[in-house]
């Protein structure tokens, strides 16, 4: 579960929207990862709510005990009101690089997301970069904090901080 707090791209004191993301993923023995997420988003300047529902398929490469790389591809649906253009499908690509300091601390050095609607008329070209840190509390629980910056159709769109808690089964 993650809670990102989007801010204006050039003024961190100006709220843009609040999101609440619920993720579920399973890593198979061969390091293939199957995942999904649900992310409601509430705009700060209106009561408009949008929801992204996404499914992904990825792979994690543990290069050694310090560095791991991962990537994923996915498809999703953005549900929104007709007054905002209506709902539409999109695709997403992500790459990650993590540096493991020890068994408890990991620097999530870089995450890059490229996301766009299948129909570019929906204006959903929304790449994002992020960096963060993860603390593994025990074998099942971890905490994460990250900073992220995103664009929309080539222009700065948002920045923000997110906090997350993860439980592994």
Protein backbone atom coordinates (compact mmCIF):
# COMPACT_ATOMS: atom_id res chain seq x y z
CA UNK A 1 0.00 0.00 0.00
CA UNK A 2 1.41 3.37 -1.03
CA UNK A 3 0.20 6.93 -0.49
CA UNK A 4 1.73 9.46 -2.94
CA UNK A 5 1.22 13.18 -2.34
CA UNK A 6 1.48 15.01 -5.69
CA UNK A 7 2.64 18.62 -5.61
CA UNK A 8 2.93 21.28 -8.33
CA UNK A 9 6.04 20.73 -10.50
CA UNK A 10 7.64 24.09 -9.63
CA UNK A 11 6.18 24.75 -6.16
CA UNK A 12 6.39 21.94 -3.61
CA UNK A 13 4.08 23.85 -1.25
CA UNK A 14 1.17 23.67 -3.73
CA UNK A 15 -0.87 20.43 -3.53
CA UNK A 16 -1.98 18.88 -6.82
CA UNK A 17 -3.69 15.63 -5.81
CA UNK A 18 -3.59 12.70 -3.43
CA UNK A 19 -3.44 9.08 -4.48
CA UNK A 20 -3.87 5.80 -2.66
CA UNK A 21 -2.28 2.83 -4.40
CA UNK A 22 -2.86 -0.82 -3.54
CA UNK A 23 -0.44 -3.27 -5.19
CA UNK A 24 -0.30 -7.04 -5.32
CA UNK A 25 2.52 -9.02 -6.91
CA UNK A 26 3.92 -12.53 -6.93
CA UNK A 27 7.51 -13.41 -7.78
CA UNK A 28 7.88 -16.92 -9.14
CA UNK A 29 10.98 -19.07 -8.52
CA UNK A 30 12.35 -18.05 -11.94
CA UNK A 31 12.23 -14.32 -10.91
CA UNK A 32 9.24 -13.52 -13.15
CA UNK A 33 6.89 -11.10 -11.38
CA UNK A 34 3.14 -10.92 -12.04
CA UNK A 35 1.47 -7.87 -10.53
CA UNK A 36 -1.48 -5.55 -10.42
CA UNK A 37 -2.46 -2.25 -8.87
CA UNK A 38 -5.46 -0.05 -8.18
CA UNK A 39 -4.87 3.68 -7.74
CA UNK A 40 -7.67 6.17 -6.98
CA UNK A 41 -6.62 9.81 -7.42
CA UNK A 42 -8.40 12.84 -5.90
CA UNK A 43 -7.62 16.25 -7.43
CA UNK A 44 -6.85 19.04 -4.95
CA UNK A 45 -8.74 21.73 -6.89
CA UNK A 46 -11.94 19.74 -7.51
CA UNK A 47 -13.82 16.71 -6.30
CA UNK A 48 -12.98 14.79 -9.48
CA UNK A 49 -11.79 11.23 -8.86
CA UNK A 50 -9.94 9.10 -11.39
CA UNK A 51 -8.84 5.49 -10.97
CA UNK A 52 -6.01 3.58 -12.68
CA UNK A 53 -6.31 -0.21 -12.78
CA UNK A 54 -3.16 -1.90 -14.04
CA UNK A 55 -1.67 -5.35 -14.62
CA UNK A 56 2.05 -5.97 -15.16
CA UNK A 57 4.53 -8.71 -16.01
CA UNK A 58 8.19 -8.26 -15.13
CA UNK A 59 11.52 -9.81 -14.29
CA UNK A 60 14.13 -9.20 -11.55
CA UNK A 61 17.85 -9.68 -12.20
CA UNK A 62 19.96 -9.96 -9.05
CA UNK A 63 23.37 -9.14 -10.55
CA UNK A 64 25.12 -9.75 -7.22
CA UNK A 65 24.35 -9.25 -3.52
CA UNK A 66 24.52 -5.43 -3.95
CA UNK A 67 22.84 -4.56 -7.27
CA UNK A 68 19.56 -5.69 -8.78
CA UNK A 69 17.79 -4.55 -11.93
CA UNK A 70 14.19 -5.12 -12.88
CA UNK A 71 11.78 -4.25 -15.63
CA UNK A 72 8.11 -4.69 -16.36
CA UNK A 73 5.49 -4.12 -19.02
CA UNK A 74 1.80 -3.72 -18.45
CA UNK A 75 -1.58 -2.54 -19.55
CA UNK A 76 -4.17 -0.59 -17.67
CA UNK A 77 -7.43 1.32 -17.79
CA UNK A 78 -7.90 4.89 -16.61
CA UNK A 79 -11.43 5.35 -15.34
CA UNK A 80 -12.59 8.97 -15.36
CA UNK A 81 -15.69 11.05 -15.88
CA UNK A 82 -16.96 11.76 -19.39
CA UNK A 83 -16.42 15.48 -18.73
CA UNK A 84 -12.68 14.69 -18.50
CA UNK A 85 -12.67 12.70 -21.73
CA UNK A 86 -13.98 9.36 -20.53
CA UNK A 87 -12.14 6.18 -19.67
CA UNK A 88 -9.37 4.76 -21.87
CA UNK A 89 -6.75 1.96 -21.98
CA UNK A 90 -3.01 2.59 -21.67
CA UNK A 91 0.32 0.76 -21.60
CA UNK A 92 3.22 1.13 -19.18
CA UNK A 93 6.93 0.22 -19.12
CA UNK A 94 9.12 0.42 -15.99
CA UNK A 95 12.80 -0.10 -15.19
CA UNK A 96 14.35 -0.14 -11.71
CA UNK A 97 17.86 -0.25 -10.23
CA UNK A 98 18.28 -1.07 -6.54
CA UNK A 99 21.44 -0.95 -4.43
CA UNK A 100 21.30 -3.17 -1.34
CA UNK A 101 23.41 -1.70 1.49
CA UNK A 102 22.76 -4.70 3.73
CA UNK A 103 19.91 -7.12 4.49
CA UNK A 104 17.69 -4.33 5.84
CA UNK A 105 18.45 -1.16 3.85
CA UNK A 106 18.03 -0.70 0.08
CA UNK A 107 18.45 2.44 -1.98
CA UNK A 108 15.88 2.33 -4.77
CA UNK A 109 18.34 4.32 -6.88
CA UNK A 110 16.19 4.92 -9.93
CA UNK A 111 12.77 3.96 -11.19
CA UNK A 112 11.71 5.16 -14.62
CA UNK A 113 8.14 4.81 -15.86
CA UNK A 114 6.98 5.42 -19.41
CA UNK A 115 3.19 5.42 -19.71
CA UNK A 116 0.89 6.45 -22.57
CA UNK A 117 -2.61 5.81 -23.85
CA UNK A 118 -3.02 3.52 -26.83
CA UNK A 119 -4.90 6.41 -28.44
CA UNK A 120 -2.61 9.46 -28.12
CA UNK A 121 -5.66 11.74 -28.38
CA UNK A 122 -6.20 10.92 -24.67
CA UNK A 123 -3.02 12.92 -23.83
CA UNK A 124 -1.70 10.46 -21.24
CA UNK A 125 2.01 10.47 -22.11
CA UNK A 126 3.12 10.61 -18.46
CA UNK A 127 6.73 9.52 -17.82
CA UNK A 128 8.03 9.66 -14.25
CA UNK A 129 11.36 9.18 -12.45
CA UNK A 130 11.76 8.33 -8.77
CA UNK A 131 14.34 7.54 -6.13
CA UNK A 132 13.76 6.23 -2.63
CA UNK A 133 14.86 4.13 0.30
CA UNK A 134 13.43 0.90 1.72
CA UNK A 135 13.80 -0.47 5.24
CA UNK A 136 13.09 -4.17 5.66
CA UNK A 137 11.60 -4.53 9.15
CA UNK A 138 11.52 -8.35 9.13
CA UNK A 139 10.97 -11.17 6.62
CA UNK A 140 7.43 -9.99 5.87
CA UNK A 141 7.25 -6.21 6.43
CA UNK A 142 9.06 -3.27 4.86
CA UNK A 143 8.69 0.53 4.75
CA UNK A 144 9.50 2.75 1.78
CA UNK A 145 9.79 6.48 1.15
CA UNK A 146 10.43 8.05 -2.25
CA UNK A 147 10.64 11.32 -4.16
CA UNK A 148 9.26 11.40 -7.70
CA UNK A 149 8.97 13.86 -10.61
CA UNK A 150 6.65 13.48 -13.59
CA UNK A 151 5.78 15.01 -16.93
CA UNK A 152 2.63 15.05 -19.03
CA UNK A 153 2.84 15.39 -22.78
CA UNK A 154 6.42 16.72 -22.48
CA UNK A 155 5.77 19.42 -19.86
CA UNK A 156 6.52 19.23 -16.10
CA UNK A 157 3.36 18.00 -14.39
CA UNK A 158 4.03 17.01 -10.78
CA UNK A 159 6.53 16.11 -8.10
CA UNK A 160 5.92 14.52 -4.77
CA UNK A 161 6.71 12.30 -1.85
CA UNK A 162 5.25 8.87 -1.24
CA UNK A 163 5.26 6.56 1.74
CA UNK A 164 4.50 2.87 1.56
CA UNK A 165 4.23 -0.25 3.66
CA UNK A 166 4.63 -3.70 2.15
CA UNK A 167 3.64 -7.09 3.50
CA UNK A 168 4.96 -10.27 1.86
CA UNK A 169 3.09 -13.54 2.09
